[in-house]
Amino acid sequence: MSTQPTGMPEGEGPDAPGSTAGTPGPPAAPATPPVDGPTAPPPPPGPWASDNLPPHPMAYAPRPDVPQPKSILTAVRLMFVGAAISAVGVLLTFTQTDAIRDAVEDSDSSLTESEVDTLVNVGLAFAVIFGLVGVGLWIWMAVTNGQGKSWARVVATVLGALNIVGTLFNMTQPGSTTLSLVLALVGVVLAAAILVLLYRPESSRYYEAKSG
């Protein structure tokens, strides 16, 4: 007796030759395991292909330590000497009260006693303030130029030029004491020597290596 199901043609069915029913398919691709932790966002797209490349590992490498040449070392030491001289000048200002009074009286004999006292006190105050500012500028320039900051050399050049011009101007004005003129002349000599040292070839190479 035939076991072919009713209505199904002969040669077809689940057991017929060539039938694919029940045949296992190809194995499924393995699932990607989850990544632990946050993933880095992709770089923003740029107009060039190189904009999307990862940064070079040496891009953030620290600059090699460049030793100070002798010219920079000497200039920095002279700047600290200038700061010390300015500080001494501030202290000696309080011992020059009589000299300042005499200079004020000689500049204008029509001044009253109270006016002379006022001008003496104002002169002392300005001398102390400018002296302290000078100390701070000397130290600031010594530190920044010692670090090889290119802008510091420019600032030191401007300050040195102003120091020279200001000293020459004050020498022609009445009211200056001998001590103030001596300290001012010493500051001019220091400024000139420092500027020469800052612009020597080895100093320029040091600034380029540290700031370039």
Protein backbone atom coordinates (compact mmCIF):
# COMPACT_ATOMS: atom_id res chain seq x y z
CA MET A 1 0.00 0.00 0.00
CA SER A 2 1.36 3.44 -0.97
CA THR A 3 2.06 5.98 1.83
CA GLN A 4 2.19 9.02 -0.50
CA PRO A 5 0.03 11.79 1.00
CA THR A 6 -3.17 12.60 -0.88
CA GLY A 7 -2.88 15.54 -3.23
CA MET A 8 0.93 15.58 -3.35
CA PRO A 9 2.50 14.49 -6.61
CA GLU A 10 4.68 11.50 -6.64
CA GLY A 11 8.31 12.29 -6.10
CA GLU A 12 7.61 15.31 -3.89
CA GLY A 13 7.44 15.56 -0.14
CA PRO A 14 9.74 15.88 2.76
CA ASP A 15 11.41 12.57 2.10
CA ALA A 16 11.73 12.95 -1.63
CA PRO A 17 15.21 12.99 -3.18
CA GLY A 18 16.59 16.54 -3.60
CA SER A 19 14.27 18.02 -1.03
CA THR A 20 15.88 20.76 1.16
CA ALA A 21 13.40 20.52 3.98
CA GLY A 22 15.15 19.88 7.27
CA THR A 23 18.60 20.63 5.84
CA PRO A 24 20.63 22.89 8.22
CA GLY A 25 21.74 26.24 6.73
CA PRO A 26 25.20 27.87 6.95
CA PRO A 27 26.42 28.78 10.46
CA ALA A 28 25.58 32.30 11.67
CA ALA A 29 28.41 34.84 12.12
CA PRO A 30 29.52 35.17 15.74
CA ALA A 31 28.23 38.24 17.57
CA THR A 32 30.72 41.03 18.26
CA PRO A 33 31.56 41.06 21.97
CA PRO A 34 30.73 44.33 23.76
CA VAL A 35 33.60 46.71 24.40
CA ASP A 36 34.14 47.64 28.03
CA GLY A 37 34.37 51.37 28.79
CA PRO A 38 33.60 54.41 26.67
CA THR A 39 34.99 54.53 23.16
CA ALA A 40 36.83 57.55 21.79
CA PRO A 41 34.71 59.64 19.42
CA PRO A 42 35.93 59.77 15.84
CA PRO A 43 37.83 62.92 14.83
CA PRO A 44 35.78 65.63 13.16
CA PRO A 45 35.93 65.47 9.39
CA GLY A 46 38.15 67.99 7.64
CA PRO A 47 38.58 69.22 4.10
CA TRP A 48 41.73 67.15 3.61
CA ALA A 49 42.31 63.44 4.08
CA SER A 50 45.19 64.14 6.47
CA ASP A 51 42.81 66.01 8.79
CA ASN A 52 41.24 62.71 9.79
CA LEU A 53 44.50 60.98 10.65
CA PRO A 54 45.35 60.41 14.32
CA PRO A 55 47.93 62.84 15.81
CA HIS A 56 51.56 61.91 15.55
CA PRO A 57 52.85 60.39 18.81
CA MET A 58 55.64 63.01 18.92
CA ALA A 59 53.25 65.93 18.47
CA TYR A 60 52.86 66.40 22.21
CA ALA A 61 56.37 65.41 23.19
CA PRO A 62 58.05 67.85 25.60
CA ARG A 63 60.75 70.11 24.23
CA PRO A 64 64.29 69.00 25.01
CA ASP A 65 65.92 70.91 27.83
CA VAL A 66 68.36 73.45 26.39
CA PRO A 67 71.07 74.66 28.78
CA GLN A 68 71.57 78.39 29.20
CA PRO A 69 74.58 79.75 27.30
CA LYS A 70 77.11 81.79 29.22
CA SER A 71 75.82 85.06 27.75
CA ILE A 72 72.27 84.43 29.04
CA LEU A 73 73.55 83.28 32.42
CA THR A 74 75.64 86.43 32.79
CA ALA A 75 72.77 88.66 31.67
CA VAL A 76 70.42 87.08 34.20
CA ARG A 77 72.95 87.59 37.00
CA LEU A 78 73.38 91.24 36.02
CA MET A 79 69.59 91.67 36.12
CA PHE A 80 69.53 90.39 39.69
CA VAL A 81 72.36 92.81 40.47
CA GLY A 82 70.18 95.59 39.03
CA ALA A 83 67.32 94.49 41.29
CA ALA A 84 69.62 94.60 44.31
CA ILE A 85 70.89 98.07 43.40
CA SER A 86 67.31 99.30 43.00
CA ALA A 87 66.41 97.89 46.43
CA VAL A 88 69.43 99.60 48.00
CA GLY A 89 68.39 102.83 46.32
CA VAL A 90 64.94 102.56 47.89
CA LEU A 91 66.45 102.15 51.35
CA LEU A 92 68.93 104.97 50.87
CA THR A 93 66.17 107.31 49.74
CA PHE A 94 65.10 107.79 53.36
CA THR A 95 68.60 108.98 54.25
CA GLN A 96 68.54 111.63 51.54
CA THR A 97 65.78 113.80 52.97
CA ASP A 98 68.08 116.78 53.61
CA ALA A 99 69.65 116.47 50.17
CA ILE A 100 66.23 116.40 48.56
CA ARG A 101 65.15 119.43 50.59
CA ASP A 102 68.23 121.37 49.53
CA ALA A 103 67.64 120.45 45.90
CA VAL A 104 64.01 121.62 46.09
CA GLU A 105 64.95 124.93 47.74
CA ASP A 106 67.68 125.57 45.18
CA SER A 107 65.28 124.90 42.32
CA ASP A 108 62.79 127.56 43.51
CA SER A 109 63.71 130.00 46.29
CA SER A 110 60.18 131.46 46.42
CA LEU A 111 58.68 128.33 47.96
CA THR A 112 57.37 128.50 51.52
CA GLU A 113 58.44 126.08 54.23
CA SER A 114 55.19 124.10 54.01
CA GLU A 115 55.48 123.88 50.24
CA VAL A 116 59.03 122.60 50.52
CA ASP A 117 57.92 119.95 53.03
CA THR A 118 55.13 118.87 50.72
CA LEU A 119 57.45 118.56 47.74
CA VAL A 120 59.99 116.64 49.79
CA ASN A 121 57.36 114.13 50.93
CA VAL A 122 56.01 113.75 47.40
CA GLY A 123 59.53 113.24 46.09
CA LEU A 124 60.22 110.55 48.70
CA ALA A 125 56.96 108.76 47.90
CA PHE A 126 57.64 108.75 44.16
CA ALA A 127 61.21 107.60 44.72
CA VAL A 128 60.07 104.64 46.84
CA ILE A 129 57.27 103.66 44.45
CA PHE A 130 59.44 103.82 41.34
CA GLY A 131 62.25 102.03 43.16
CA LEU A 132 59.99 99.13 44.11
CA VAL A 133 58.61 98.96 40.58
CA GLY A 134 62.18 98.86 39.32
CA VAL A 135 63.01 95.95 41.62
CA GLY A 136 60.02 94.01 40.34
CA LEU A 137 60.88 94.69 36.69
CA TRP A 138 64.49 93.58 37.14
CA ILE A 139 63.42 90.30 38.75
CA TRP A 140 60.67 89.71 36.17
CA MET A 141 63.09 90.24 33.29
CA ALA A 142 65.71 88.01 34.90
CA VAL A 143 63.29 85.10 35.28
CA THR A 144 61.60 85.34 31.87
CA ASN A 145 64.80 85.91 29.89
CA GLY A 146 66.42 83.06 31.75
CA GLN A 147 63.56 80.86 30.52
CA GLY A 148 64.27 81.87 26.92
CA LYS A 149 61.05 83.81 26.26
CA SER A 150 61.49 85.74 23.01
CA TRP A 151 59.01 88.41 24.07
CA ALA A 152 61.00 88.96 27.27
CA ARG A 153 64.04 90.01 25.26
CA VAL A 154 61.88 92.54 23.40
CA VAL A 155 60.49 93.91 26.68
CA ALA A 156 63.99 94.07 28.17
CA THR A 157 65.16 96.02 25.12
CA VAL A 158 62.34 98.55 25.49
CA LEU A 159 62.90 98.94 29.25
CA GLY A 160 66.65 99.27 28.79
CA ALA A 161 66.22 101.98 26.16
CA LEU A 162 63.76 103.86 28.39
CA ASN A 163 66.19 103.58 31.30
CA ILE A 164 69.02 105.09 29.28
CA VAL A 165 66.92 107.92 27.86
CA GLY A 166 65.32 108.65 31.25
CA THR A 167 68.67 108.81 33.01
CA LEU A 168 70.14 111.17 30.43
CA PHE A 169 67.06 113.38 30.78
CA ASN A 170 67.19 113.43 34.60
CA MET A 171 70.85 114.46 34.54
CA THR A 172 69.83 117.72 32.90
CA GLN A 173 67.07 118.45 35.42
CA PRO A 174 67.54 120.24 38.78
CA GLY A 175 66.63 118.51 42.01
CA SER A 176 68.59 115.28 41.54
CA THR A 177 70.92 114.20 44.32
CA THR A 178 74.41 112.85 43.80
CA LEU A 179 73.42 109.40 45.06
CA SER A 180 70.44 109.16 42.71
CA LEU A 181 72.60 110.14 39.74
CA VAL A 182 75.26 107.56 40.63
CA LEU A 183 72.67 104.79 40.96
CA ALA A 184 71.06 105.88 37.69
CA LEU A 185 74.40 105.79 35.87
CA VAL A 186 75.12 102.32 37.25
CA GLY A 187 71.70 101.22 35.98
CA VAL A 188 72.49 102.59 32.52
CA VAL A 189 75.78 100.69 32.37
CA LEU A 190 74.02 97.51 33.49
CA ALA A 191 71.24 97.95 30.92
CA ALA A 192 73.72 98.46 28.08
CA ALA A 193 75.81 95.43 29.07
CA ILE A 194 72.72 93.23 29.43
CA LEU A 195 71.37 94.20 26.01
CA VAL A 196 74.68 93.34 24.39
CA LEU A 197 74.62 89.91 26.06
CA LEU A 198 70.99 89.23 25.11
CA TYR A 199 71.70 89.79 21.42
CA ARG A 200 74.81 87.68 21.08
CA PRO A 201 74.52 84.83 18.53
CA GLU A 202 74.46 82.10 21.17
CA SER A 203 71.72 83.97 23.02
CA SER A 204 69.62 84.23 19.85
CA ARG A 205 69.97 80.50 19.27
CA TYR A 206 68.85 79.87 22.85
CA TYR A 207 65.73 82.01 22.39
CA GLU A 208 64.91 80.19 19.13
CA ALA A 209 65.31 76.78 20.77
CA LYS A 210 63.15 77.67 23.77
CA SER A 211 60.47 79.73 22.03
CA GLY A 212 60.57 78.50 18.42
